[in-house]
Amino acid sequence: MSIKHKSEIKINVGLDENKVPEELFWSADDGDIKDMEAKALLLSVWDSANKDTYKINLWTKEMPVNEMIQFFHQTLVSMADTFEMATSDDKMSATMRDFCDYYADKMGIKK
């Protein structure tokens, strides 16, 4: 298989003297996104050779806890959707969404 097109995604992290993130910016060529500010990011990369996931989890000092709670909820819902698309396992996806509803209820997030 030959590659027809390449796309680049960039993440720039501004760190303080203790290497704690103070600012996050990301760009995506195909999405016409250039230096968009973010307060948090979760990135998982699958290493097929080692059957392991590498993770980058960053958030800035300015990320409010209430927004982190909402960010996690939206990320969990997105994971359930992606899991269903990738596996066609509607029963487990529904179970994952049930947890998302439970999480939202316990964390006081309105739907």
PDB file of N, CA and C in Angstrom:
ATOM      1  N   MET A   1       0.847  -1.171   0.000  1.00  0.00           N
ATOM      2  CA  MET A   1       0.000   0.000   0.000  1.00  0.00           C
ATOM      3  C   MET A   1       0.898   1.240   0.000  1.00  0.00           C
ATOM      4  N   SER A   2       0.663   2.122  -0.949  1.00  0.00           N
ATOM      5  CA  SER A   2       1.444   3.354  -0.995  1.00  0.00           C
ATOM      6  C   SER A   2       0.633   4.490  -0.388  1.00  0.00           C
ATOM      7  N   ILE A   3       1.305   5.352   0.320  1.00  0.00           N
ATOM      8  CA  ILE A   3       0.666   6.496   0.964  1.00  0.00           C
ATOM      9  C   ILE A   3       0.409   7.577  -0.075  1.00  0.00           C
ATOM     10  N   LYS A   4      -0.808   8.027  -0.152  1.00  0.00           N
ATOM     11  CA  LYS A   4      -1.219   9.039  -1.119  1.00  0.00           C
ATOM     12  C   LYS A   4      -1.132  10.457  -0.551  1.00  0.00           C
ATOM     13  N   HIS A   5      -1.272  10.548   0.763  1.00  0.00           N
ATOM     14  CA  HIS A   5      -1.333  11.868   1.389  1.00  0.00           C
ATOM     15  C   HIS A   5      -0.829  11.743   2.825  1.00  0.00           C
ATOM     16  N   LYS A   6      -0.153  12.742   3.307  1.00  0.00           N
ATOM     17  CA  LYS A   6       0.255  12.791   4.707  1.00  0.00           C
ATOM     18  C   LYS A   6      -0.370  14.018   5.351  1.00  0.00           C
ATOM     19  N   SER A   7      -0.718  13.874   6.605  1.00  0.00           N
ATOM     20  CA  SER A   7      -1.295  14.963   7.371  1.00  0.00           C
ATOM     21  C   SER A   7      -0.498  15.101   8.664  1.00  0.00           C
ATOM     22  N   GLU A   8      -0.299  16.321   9.084  1.00  0.00           N
ATOM     23  CA  GLU A   8       0.494  16.546  10.288  1.00  0.00           C
ATOM     24  C   GLU A   8      -0.361  17.191  11.369  1.00  0.00           C
ATOM     25  N   ILE A   9      -0.214  16.666  12.574  1.00  0.00           N
ATOM     26  CA  ILE A   9      -0.844  17.235  13.754  1.00  0.00           C
ATOM     27  C   ILE A   9       0.286  17.622  14.704  1.00  0.00           C
ATOM     28  N   LYS A  10       0.259  18.854  15.178  1.00  0.00           N
ATOM     29  CA  LYS A  10       1.314  19.351  16.062  1.00  0.00           C
ATOM     30  C   LYS A  10       0.717  19.761  17.399  1.00  0.00           C
ATOM     31  N   ILE A  11       1.474  19.496  18.457  1.00  0.00           N
ATOM     32  CA  ILE A  11       1.100  19.921  19.800  1.00  0.00           C
ATOM     33  C   ILE A  11       2.292  20.678  20.373  1.00  0.00           C
ATOM     34  N   ASN A  12       2.050  21.912  20.781  1.00  0.00           N
ATOM     35  CA  ASN A  12       3.093  22.727  21.403  1.00  0.00           C
ATOM     36  C   ASN A  12       2.718  22.969  22.855  1.00  0.00           C
ATOM     37  N   VAL A  13       3.672  22.685  23.741  1.00  0.00           N
ATOM     38  CA  VAL A  13       3.440  22.805  25.175  1.00  0.00           C
ATOM     39  C   VAL A  13       4.407  23.837  25.742  1.00  0.00           C
ATOM     40  N   GLY A  14       3.858  24.871  26.354  1.00  0.00           N
ATOM     41  CA  GLY A  14       4.668  25.860  27.061  1.00  0.00           C
ATOM     42  C   GLY A  14       4.773  25.457  28.519  1.00  0.00           C
ATOM     43  N   LEU A  15       5.997  25.300  29.009  1.00  0.00           N
ATOM     44  CA  LEU A  15       6.233  24.806  30.368  1.00  0.00           C
ATOM     45  C   LEU A  15       6.805  25.896  31.265  1.00  0.00           C
ATOM     46  N   ASP A  16       6.517  25.798  32.555  1.00  0.00           N
ATOM     47  CA  ASP A  16       7.146  26.706  33.505  1.00  0.00           C
ATOM     48  C   ASP A  16       8.513  26.148  33.907  1.00  0.00           C
ATOM     49  N   GLU A  17       9.151  26.776  34.884  1.00  0.00           N
ATOM     50  CA  GLU A  17      10.493  26.354  35.305  1.00  0.00           C
ATOM     51  C   GLU A  17      10.526  24.946  35.892  1.00  0.00           C
ATOM     52  N   ASN A  18       9.367  24.440  36.354  1.00  0.00           N
ATOM     53  CA  ASN A  18       9.282  23.081  36.903  1.00  0.00           C
ATOM     54  C   ASN A  18       8.741  22.078  35.883  1.00  0.00           C
ATOM     55  N   LYS A  19       8.667  22.511  34.628  1.00  0.00           N
ATOM     56  CA  LYS A  19       8.171  21.697  33.522  1.00  0.00           C
ATOM     57  C   LYS A  19       6.699  21.310  33.675  1.00  0.00           C
ATOM     58  N   VAL A  20       5.941  22.210  34.286  1.00  0.00           N
ATOM     59  CA  VAL A  20       4.489  22.047  34.410  1.00  0.00           C
ATOM     60  C   VAL A  20       3.859  22.854  33.273  1.00  0.00           C
ATOM     61  N   PRO A  21       2.907  22.257  32.542  1.00  0.00           N
ATOM     62  CA  PRO A  21       2.302  22.979  31.416  1.00  0.00           C
ATOM     63  C   PRO A  21       1.586  24.262  31.838  1.00  0.00           C
ATOM     64  N   GLU A  22       1.930  25.316  31.150  1.00  0.00           N
ATOM     65  CA  GLU A  22       1.239  26.590  31.345  1.00  0.00           C
ATOM     66  C   GLU A  22       0.350  26.925  30.153  1.00  0.00           C
ATOM     67  N   GLU A  23       0.715  26.412  28.975  1.00  0.00           N
ATOM     68  CA  GLU A  23      -0.096  26.651  27.783  1.00  0.00           C
ATOM     69  C   GLU A  23       0.031  25.468  26.832  1.00  0.00           C
ATOM     70  N   LEU A  24      -1.069  25.212  26.130  1.00  0.00           N
ATOM     71  CA  LEU A  24      -1.126  24.157  25.123  1.00  0.00           C
ATOM     72  C   LEU A  24      -1.720  24.747  23.856  1.00  0.00           C
ATOM     73  N   PHE A  25      -1.074  24.468  22.740  1.00  0.00           N
ATOM     74  CA  PHE A  25      -1.592  24.876  21.439  1.00  0.00           C
ATOM     75  C   PHE A  25      -1.459  23.696  20.497  1.00  0.00           C
ATOM     76  N   TRP A  26      -2.446  23.542  19.598  1.00  0.00           N
ATOM     77  CA  TRP A  26      -2.365  22.455  18.631  1.00  0.00           C
ATOM     78  C   TRP A  26      -2.751  22.948  17.257  1.00  0.00           C
ATOM     79  N   SER A  27      -2.215  22.244  16.259  1.00  0.00           N
ATOM     80  CA  SER A  27      -2.489  22.553  14.856  1.00  0.00           C
ATOM     81  C   SER A  27      -2.746  21.256  14.112  1.00  0.00           C
ATOM     82  N   ALA A  28      -3.617  21.313  13.117  1.00  0.00           N
ATOM     83  CA  ALA A  28      -3.910  20.147  12.272  1.00  0.00           C
ATOM     84  C   ALA A  28      -4.084  20.635  10.842  1.00  0.00           C
ATOM     85  N   ASP A  29      -3.190  20.206   9.969  1.00  0.00           N
ATOM     86  CA  ASP A  29      -3.212  20.629   8.572  1.00  0.00           C
ATOM     87  C   ASP A  29      -4.571  20.396   7.916  1.00  0.00           C
ATOM     88  N   ASP A  30      -5.077  19.178   8.025  1.00  0.00           N
ATOM     89  CA  ASP A  30      -6.320  18.831   7.338  1.00  0.00           C
ATOM     90  C   ASP A  30      -7.560  19.461   7.953  1.00  0.00           C
ATOM     91  N   GLY A  31      -7.452  19.923   9.178  1.00  0.00           N
ATOM     92  CA  GLY A  31      -8.609  20.539   9.825  1.00  0.00           C
ATOM     93  C   GLY A  31      -8.580  22.048   9.791  1.00  0.00           C
ATOM     94  N   ASP A  32      -7.591  22.597   9.082  1.00  0.00           N
ATOM     95  CA  ASP A  32      -7.424  24.052   9.033  1.00  0.00           C
ATOM     96  C   ASP A  32      -7.370  24.660  10.429  1.00  0.00           C
ATOM     97  N   ILE A  33      -6.719  23.951  11.333  1.00  0.00           N
ATOM     98  CA  ILE A  33      -6.562  24.434  12.704  1.00  0.00           C
ATOM     99  C   ILE A  33      -5.116  24.866  12.872  1.00  0.00           C
ATOM    100  N   LYS A  34      -4.911  26.084  13.311  1.00  0.00           N
ATOM    101  CA  LYS A  34      -3.561  26.643  13.461  1.00  0.00           C
ATOM    102  C   LYS A  34      -3.423  27.251  14.850  1.00  0.00           C
ATOM    103  N   ASP A  35      -2.572  26.663  15.641  1.00  0.00           N
ATOM    104  CA  ASP A  35      -2.266  27.179  16.981  1.00  0.00           C
ATOM    105  C   ASP A  35      -3.519  27.466  17.809  1.00  0.00           C
ATOM    106  N   MET A  36      -4.410  26.504  17.866  1.00  0.00           N
ATOM    107  CA  MET A  36      -5.615  26.638  18.686  1.00  0.00           C
ATOM    108  C   MET A  36      -5.257  26.332  20.137  1.00  0.00           C
ATOM    109  N   GLU A  37      -5.691  27.204  21.031  1.00  0.00           N
ATOM    110  CA  GLU A  37      -5.388  27.014  22.441  1.00  0.00           C
ATOM    111  C   GLU A  37      -6.239  25.894  23.029  1.00  0.00           C
ATOM    112  N   ALA A  38      -5.651  25.145  23.929  1.00  0.00           N
ATOM    113  CA  ALA A  38      -6.348  24.102  24.672  1.00  0.00           C
ATOM    114  C   ALA A  38      -5.916  24.204  26.129  1.00  0.00           C
ATOM    115  N   LYS A  39      -6.754  23.737  27.017  1.00  0.00           N
ATOM    116  CA  LYS A  39      -6.402  23.706  28.436  1.00  0.00           C
ATOM    117  C   LYS A  39      -6.041  22.298  28.895  1.00  0.00           C
ATOM    118  N   ALA A  40      -6.421  21.277  28.095  1.00  0.00           N
ATOM    119  CA  ALA A  40      -6.106  19.898  28.452  1.00  0.00           C
ATOM    120  C   ALA A  40      -6.088  19.050  27.194  1.00  0.00           C
ATOM    121  N   LEU A  41      -5.348  17.941  27.263  1.00  0.00           N
ATOM    122  CA  LEU A  41      -5.375  16.966  26.177  1.00  0.00           C
ATOM    123  C   LEU A  41      -5.056  15.589  26.717  1.00  0.00           C
ATOM    124  N   LEU A  42      -5.680  14.606  26.120  1.00  0.00           N
ATOM    125  CA  LEU A  42      -5.429  13.198  26.406  1.00  0.00           C
ATOM    126  C   LEU A  42      -5.130  12.534  25.070  1.00  0.00           C
ATOM    127  N   LEU A  43      -3.960  11.941  24.952  1.00  0.00           N
ATOM    128  CA  LEU A  43      -3.568  11.309  23.700  1.00  0.00           C
ATOM    129  C   LEU A  43      -3.115   9.888  24.002  1.00  0.00           C
ATOM    130  N   SER A  44      -3.694   8.930  23.305  1.00  0.00           N
ATOM    131  CA  SER A  44      -3.293   7.528  23.442  1.00  0.00           C
ATOM    132  C   SER A  44      -2.818   7.020  22.097  1.00  0.00           C
ATOM    133  N   VAL A  45      -1.707   6.302  22.124  1.00  0.00           N
ATOM    134  CA  VAL A  45      -1.113   5.755  20.908  1.00  0.00           C
ATOM    135  C   VAL A  45      -0.888   4.262  21.122  1.00  0.00           C
ATOM    136  N   TRP A  46      -1.404   3.440  20.216  1.00  0.00           N
ATOM    137  CA  TRP A  46      -1.280   1.994  20.320  1.00  0.00           C
ATOM    138  C   TRP A  46       0.020   1.525  19.688  1.00  0.00           C
ATOM    139  N   ASP A  47       0.818   0.803  20.458  1.00  0.00           N
ATOM    140  CA  ASP A  47       2.048   0.184  19.975  1.00  0.00           C
ATOM    141  C   ASP A  47       1.739  -1.288  19.718  1.00  0.00           C
ATOM    142  N   SER A  48       1.501  -1.620  18.456  1.00  0.00           N
ATOM    143  CA  SER A  48       1.101  -2.976  18.092  1.00  0.00           C
ATOM    144  C   SER A  48       2.190  -3.998  18.382  1.00  0.00           C
ATOM    145  N   ALA A  49       3.441  -3.610  18.218  1.00  0.00           N
ATOM    146  CA  ALA A  49       4.547  -4.551  18.446  1.00  0.00           C
ATOM    147  C   ALA A  49       4.605  -5.002  19.899  1.00  0.00           C
ATOM    148  N   ASN A  50       4.391  -4.072  20.825  1.00  0.00           N
ATOM    149  CA  ASN A  50       4.473  -4.393  22.253  1.00  0.00           C
ATOM    150  C   ASN A  50       3.110  -4.606  22.902  1.00  0.00           C
ATOM    151  N   LYS A  51       2.042  -4.443  22.103  1.00  0.00           N
ATOM    152  CA  LYS A  51       0.671  -4.571  22.623  1.00  0.00           C
ATOM    153  C   LYS A  51       0.497  -3.713  23.872  1.00  0.00           C
ATOM    154  N   ASP A  52       0.834  -2.431  23.712  1.00  0.00           N
ATOM    155  CA  ASP A  52       0.783  -1.505  24.834  1.00  0.00           C
ATOM    156  C   ASP A  52       0.329  -0.137  24.341  1.00  0.00           C
ATOM    157  N   THR A  53      -0.238   0.620  25.237  1.00  0.00           N
ATOM    158  CA  THR A  53      -0.689   1.965  24.920  1.00  0.00           C
ATOM    159  C   THR A  53       0.229   2.970  25.587  1.00  0.00           C
ATOM    160  N   TYR A  54       0.685   3.922  24.789  1.00  0.00           N
ATOM    161  CA  TYR A  54       1.461   5.032  25.314  1.00  0.00           C
ATOM    162  C   TYR A  54       0.521   6.226  25.435  1.00  0.00           C
ATOM    163  N   LYS A  55       0.664   6.954  26.522  1.00  0.00           N
ATOM    164  CA  LYS A  55      -0.286   8.017  26.810  1.00  0.00           C
ATOM    165  C   LYS A  55       0.426   9.330  27.102  1.00  0.00           C
ATOM    166  N   ILE A  56      -0.180  10.409  26.632  1.00  0.00           N
ATOM    167  CA  ILE A  56       0.229  11.756  27.000  1.00  0.00           C
ATOM    168  C   ILE A  56      -1.015  12.421  27.568  1.00  0.00           C
ATOM    169  N   ASN A  57      -0.969  12.751  28.847  1.00  0.00           N
ATOM    170  CA  ASN A  57      -2.086  13.397  29.530  1.00  0.00           C
ATOM    171  C   ASN A  57      -1.571  14.704  30.111  1.00  0.00           C
ATOM    172  N   LEU A  58      -2.023  15.813  29.553  1.00  0.00           N
ATOM    173  CA  LEU A  58      -1.549  17.119  29.976  1.00  0.00           C
ATOM    174  C   LEU A  58      -2.721  18.055  30.242  1.00  0.00           C
ATOM    175  N   TRP A  59      -2.554  18.924  31.223  1.00  0.00           N
ATOM    176  CA  TRP A  59      -3.493  19.996  31.436  1.00  0.00           C
ATOM    177  C   TRP A  59      -2.724  21.171  32.032  1.00  0.00           C
ATOM    178  N   THR A  60      -3.201  22.350  31.731  1.00  0.00           N
ATOM    179  CA  THR A  60      -2.522  23.547  32.199  1.00  0.00           C
ATOM    180  C   THR A  60      -2.941  23.877  33.626  1.00  0.00           C
ATOM    181  N   LYS A  61      -2.169  24.760  34.230  1.00  0.00           N
ATOM    182  CA  LYS A  61      -2.479  25.234  35.582  1.00  0.00           C
ATOM    183  C   LYS A  61      -3.831  25.934  35.617  1.00  0.00           C
ATOM    184  N   GLU A  62      -4.241  26.452  34.461  1.00  0.00           N
ATOM    185  CA  GLU A  62      -5.479  27.241  34.374  1.00  0.00           C
ATOM    186  C   GLU A  62      -6.719  26.390  34.092  1.00  0.00           C
ATOM    187  N   MET A  63      -6.578  25.068  33.989  1.00  0.00           N
ATOM    188  CA  MET A  63      -7.727  24.202  33.702  1.00  0.00           C
ATOM    189  C   MET A  63      -8.578  24.072  34.957  1.00  0.00           C
ATOM    190  N   PRO A  64      -9.794  24.638  34.958  1.00  0.00           N
ATOM    191  CA  PRO A  64     -10.662  24.541  36.135  1.00  0.00           C
ATOM    192  C   PRO A  64     -11.162  23.104  36.335  1.00  0.00           C
ATOM    193  N   VAL A  65     -11.330  22.730  37.587  1.00  0.00           N
ATOM    194  CA  VAL A  65     -11.772  21.372  37.912  1.00  0.00           C
ATOM    195  C   VAL A  65     -13.131  21.074  37.287  1.00  0.00           C
ATOM    196  N   ASN A  66     -14.056  22.022  37.311  1.00  0.00           N
ATOM    197  CA  ASN A  66     -15.385  21.759  36.745  1.00  0.00           C
ATOM    198  C   ASN A  66     -15.302  21.496  35.238  1.00  0.00           C
ATOM    199  N   GLU A  67     -14.369  22.166  34.553  1.00  0.00           N
ATOM    200  CA  GLU A  67     -14.189  21.895  33.127  1.00  0.00           C
ATOM    201  C   GLU A  67     -13.489  20.556  32.906  1.00  0.00           C
ATOM    202  N   MET A  68     -12.586  20.175  33.821  1.00  0.00           N
ATOM    203  CA  MET A  68     -11.928  18.862  33.712  1.00  0.00           C
ATOM    204  C   MET A  68     -12.959  17.749  33.860  1.00  0.00           C
ATOM    205  N   ILE A  69     -13.915  17.925  34.748  1.00  0.00           N
ATOM    206  CA  ILE A  69     -14.987  16.940  34.937  1.00  0.00           C
ATOM    207  C   ILE A  69     -15.802  16.804  33.650  1.00  0.00           C
ATOM    208  N   GLN A  70     -16.145  17.931  33.049  1.00  0.00           N
ATOM    209  CA  GLN A  70     -16.905  17.903  31.789  1.00  0.00           C
ATOM    210  C   GLN A  70     -16.059  17.316  30.651  1.00  0.00           C
ATOM    211  N   PHE A  71     -14.776  17.684  30.605  1.00  0.00           N
ATOM    212  CA  PHE A  71     -13.855  17.157  29.593  1.00  0.00           C
ATOM    213  C   PHE A  71     -13.776  15.635  29.666  1.00  0.00           C
ATOM    214  N   PHE A  72     -13.650  15.104  30.873  1.00  0.00           N
ATOM    215  CA  PHE A  72     -13.606  13.655  31.023  1.00  0.00           C
ATOM    216  C   PHE A  72     -14.910  13.015  30.582  1.00  0.00           C
ATOM    217  N   HIS A  73     -16.044  13.627  30.926  1.00  0.00           N
ATOM    218  CA  HIS A  73     -17.331  13.065  30.515  1.00  0.00           C
ATOM    219  C   HIS A  73     -17.436  13.001  28.994  1.00  0.00           C
ATOM    220  N   GLN A  74     -17.106  14.107  28.337  1.00  0.00           N
ATOM    221  CA  GLN A  74     -17.192  14.126  26.878  1.00  0.00           C
ATOM    222  C   GLN A  74     -16.215  13.141  26.248  1.00  0.00           C
ATOM    223  N   THR A  75     -15.038  12.985  26.860  1.00  0.00           N
ATOM    224  CA  THR A  75     -14.053  12.031  26.354  1.00  0.00           C
ATOM    225  C   THR A  75     -14.559  10.599  26.506  1.00  0.00           C
ATOM    226  N   LEU A  76     -15.156  10.292  27.641  1.00  0.00           N
ATOM    227  CA  LEU A  76     -15.700   8.944  27.856  1.00  0.00           C
ATOM    228  C   LEU A  76     -16.828   8.629  26.874  1.00  0.00           C
ATOM    229  N   VAL A  77     -17.716   9.598  26.640  1.00  0.00           N
ATOM    230  CA  VAL A  77     -18.793   9.403  25.663  1.00  0.00           C
ATOM    231  C   VAL A  77     -18.204   9.167  24.270  1.00  0.00           C
ATOM    232  N   SER A  78     -17.211   9.946  23.911  1.00  0.00           N
ATOM    233  CA  SER A  78     -16.555   9.790  22.614  1.00  0.00           C
ATOM    234  C   SER A  78     -15.890   8.421  22.488  1.00  0.00           C
ATOM    235  N   MET A  79     -15.295   7.951  23.573  1.00  0.00           N
ATOM    236  CA  MET A  79     -14.671   6.619  23.549  1.00  0.00           C
ATOM    237  C   MET A  79     -15.715   5.526  23.324  1.00  0.00           C
ATOM    238  N   ALA A  80     -16.878   5.665  23.939  1.00  0.00           N
ATOM    239  CA  ALA A  80     -17.950   4.690  23.727  1.00  0.00           C
ATOM    240  C   ALA A  80     -18.394   4.694  22.270  1.00  0.00           C
ATOM    241  N   ASP A  81     -18.533   5.878  21.693  1.00  0.00           N
ATOM    242  CA  ASP A  81     -18.921   5.988  20.279  1.00  0.00           C
ATOM    243  C   ASP A  81     -17.858   5.376  19.367  1.00  0.00           C
ATOM    244  N   THR A  82     -16.607   5.697  19.635  1.00  0.00           N
ATOM    245  CA  THR A  82     -15.508   5.174  18.818  1.00  0.00           C
ATOM    246  C   THR A  82     -15.396   3.669  18.961  1.00  0.00           C
ATOM    247  N   PHE A  83     -15.560   3.172  20.184  1.00  0.00           N
ATOM    248  CA  PHE A  83     -15.515   1.726  20.414  1.00  0.00           C
ATOM    249  C   PHE A  83     -16.589   1.019  19.588  1.00  0.00           C
ATOM    250  N   GLU A  84     -17.790   1.590  19.563  1.00  0.00           N
ATOM    251  CA  GLU A  84     -18.877   0.975  18.792  1.00  0.00           C
ATOM    252  C   GLU A  84     -18.562   0.983  17.295  1.00  0.00           C
ATOM    253  N   MET A  85     -18.046   2.098  16.792  1.00  0.00           N
ATOM    254  CA  MET A  85     -17.693   2.163  15.369  1.00  0.00           C
ATOM    255  C   MET A  85     -16.581   1.175  15.021  1.00  0.00           C
ATOM    256  N   ALA A  86     -15.604   1.027  15.926  1.00  0.00           N
ATOM    257  CA  ALA A  86     -14.443   0.181  15.649  1.00  0.00           C
ATOM    258  C   ALA A  86     -14.737  -1.304  15.796  1.00  0.00           C
ATOM    259  N   THR A  87     -15.676  -1.659  16.690  1.00  0.00           N
ATOM    260  CA  THR A  87     -15.891  -3.080  16.995  1.00  0.00           C
ATOM    261  C   THR A  87     -17.282  -3.597  16.625  1.00  0.00           C
ATOM    262  N   SER A  88     -18.217  -2.704  16.394  1.00  0.00           N
ATOM    263  CA  SER A  88     -19.632  -3.062  16.175  1.00  0.00           C
ATOM    264  C   SER A  88     -20.237  -3.782  17.379  1.00  0.00           C
ATOM    265  N   ASP A  89     -19.645  -3.603  18.536  1.00  0.00           N
ATOM    266  CA  ASP A  89     -20.149  -4.226  19.758  1.00  0.00           C
ATOM    267  C   ASP A  89     -21.103  -3.248  20.447  1.00  0.00           C
ATOM    268  N   ASP A  90     -22.380  -3.339  20.055  1.00  0.00           N
ATOM    269  CA  ASP A  90     -23.356  -2.389  20.583  1.00  0.00           C
ATOM    270  C   ASP A  90     -23.675  -2.627  22.055  1.00  0.00           C
ATOM    271  N   LYS A  91     -23.567  -3.871  22.526  1.00  0.00           N
ATOM    272  CA  LYS A  91     -23.871  -4.155  23.935  1.00  0.00           C
ATOM    273  C   LYS A  91     -22.833  -3.529  24.862  1.00  0.00           C
ATOM    274  N   MET A  92     -21.551  -3.695  24.563  1.00  0.00           N
ATOM    275  CA  MET A  92     -20.520  -3.107  25.406  1.00  0.00           C
ATOM    276  C   MET A  92     -20.544  -1.583  25.285  1.00  0.00           C
ATOM    277  N   SER A  93     -20.834  -1.074  24.091  1.00  0.00           N
ATOM    278  CA  SER A  93     -20.936   0.378  23.913  1.00  0.00           C
ATOM    279  C   SER A  93     -22.051   0.936  24.774  1.00  0.00           C
ATOM    280  N   ALA A  94     -23.162   0.231  24.834  1.00  0.00           N
ATOM    281  CA  ALA A  94     -24.281   0.670  25.674  1.00  0.00           C
ATOM    282  C   ALA A  94     -23.880   0.639  27.153  1.00  0.00           C
ATOM    283  N   THR A  95     -23.128  -0.373  27.544  1.00  0.00           N
ATOM    284  CA  THR A  95     -22.640  -0.463  28.921  1.00  0.00           C
ATOM    285  C   THR A  95     -21.715   0.703  29.238  1.00  0.00           C
ATOM    286  N   MET A  96     -20.862   1.039  28.285  1.00  0.00           N
ATOM    287  CA  MET A  96     -19.969   2.176  28.471  1.00  0.00           C
ATOM    288  C   MET A  96     -20.776   3.467  28.603  1.00  0.00           C
ATOM    289  N   ARG A  97     -21.821   3.610  27.804  1.00  0.00           N
ATOM    290  CA  ARG A  97     -22.663   4.809  27.881  1.00  0.00           C
ATOM    291  C   ARG A  97     -23.432   4.866  29.197  1.00  0.00           C
ATOM    292  N   ASP A  98     -23.814   3.682  29.710  1.00  0.00           N
ATOM    293  CA  ASP A  98     -24.459   3.643  31.029  1.00  0.00           C
ATOM    294  C   ASP A  98     -23.520   4.212  32.087  1.00  0.00           C
ATOM    295  N   PHE A  99     -22.231   3.840  31.989  1.00  0.00           N
ATOM    296  CA  PHE A  99     -21.267   4.401  32.933  1.00  0.00           C
ATOM    297  C   PHE A  99     -21.154   5.907  32.756  1.00  0.00           C
ATOM    298  N   CYS A 100     -21.180   6.366  31.520  1.00  0.00           N
ATOM    299  CA  CYS A 100     -21.111   7.811  31.258  1.00  0.00           C
ATOM    300  C   CYS A 100     -22.285   8.528  31.919  1.00  0.00           C
ATOM    301  N   ASP A 101     -23.469   7.936  31.850  1.00  0.00           N
ATOM    302  CA  ASP A 101     -24.646   8.512  32.506  1.00  0.00           C
ATOM    303  C   ASP A 101     -24.466   8.524  34.025  1.00  0.00           C
ATOM    304  N   TYR A 102     -23.933   7.421  34.556  1.00  0.00           N
ATOM    305  CA  TYR A 102     -23.664   7.317  35.998  1.00  0.00           C
ATOM    306  C   TYR A 102     -22.663   8.390  36.418  1.00  0.00           C
ATOM    307  N   TYR A 103     -21.584   8.521  35.663  1.00  0.00           N
ATOM    308  CA  TYR A 103     -20.558   9.527  35.930  1.00  0.00           C
ATOM    309  C   TYR A 103     -21.168  10.936  35.931  1.00  0.00           C
ATOM    310  N   ALA A 104     -21.949  11.238  34.903  1.00  0.00           N
ATOM    311  CA  ALA A 104     -22.575  12.555  34.793  1.00  0.00           C
ATOM    312  C   ALA A 104     -23.467  12.832  35.994  1.00  0.00           C
ATOM    313  N   ASP A 105     -24.232  11.819  36.410  1.00  0.00           N
ATOM    314  CA  ASP A 105     -25.103  11.969  37.567  1.00  0.00           C
ATOM    315  C   ASP A 105     -24.295  12.214  38.830  1.00  0.00           C
ATOM    316  N   LYS A 106     -23.292  11.412  39.079  1.00  0.00           N
ATOM    317  CA  LYS A 106     -22.476  11.529  40.294  1.00  0.00           C
ATOM    318  C   LYS A 106     -21.667  12.816  40.326  1.00  0.00           C
ATOM    319  N   MET A 107     -21.264  13.321  39.159  1.00  0.00           N
ATOM    320  CA  MET A 107     -20.450  14.540  39.091  1.00  0.00           C
ATOM    321  C   MET A 107     -21.307  15.790  38.950  1.00  0.00           C
ATOM    322  N   GLY A 108     -22.629  15.617  38.867  1.00  0.00           N
ATOM    323  CA  GLY A 108     -23.532  16.764  38.807  1.00  0.00           C
ATOM    324  C   GLY A 108     -23.524  17.488  37.466  1.00  0.00           C
ATOM    325  N   ILE A 109     -23.264  16.748  36.392  1.00  0.00           N
ATOM    326  CA  ILE A 109     -23.252  17.343  35.061  1.00  0.00           C
ATOM    327  C   ILE A 109     -24.660  17.238  34.477  1.00  0.00           C
ATOM    328  N   LYS A 110     -25.177  18.347  34.026  1.00  0.00           N
ATOM    329  CA  LYS A 110     -26.502  18.335  33.401  1.00  0.00           C
ATOM    330  C   LYS A 110     -26.374  17.888  31.956  1.00  0.00           C
ATOM    331  N   LYS A 111     -27.347  17.104  31.495  1.00  0.00           N
ATOM    332  CA  LYS A 111     -27.359  16.646  30.104  1.00  0.00           C
ATOM    333  C   LYS A 111     -28.005  17.675  29.221  1.00  0.00           C
TER     334      LYS A 111
END
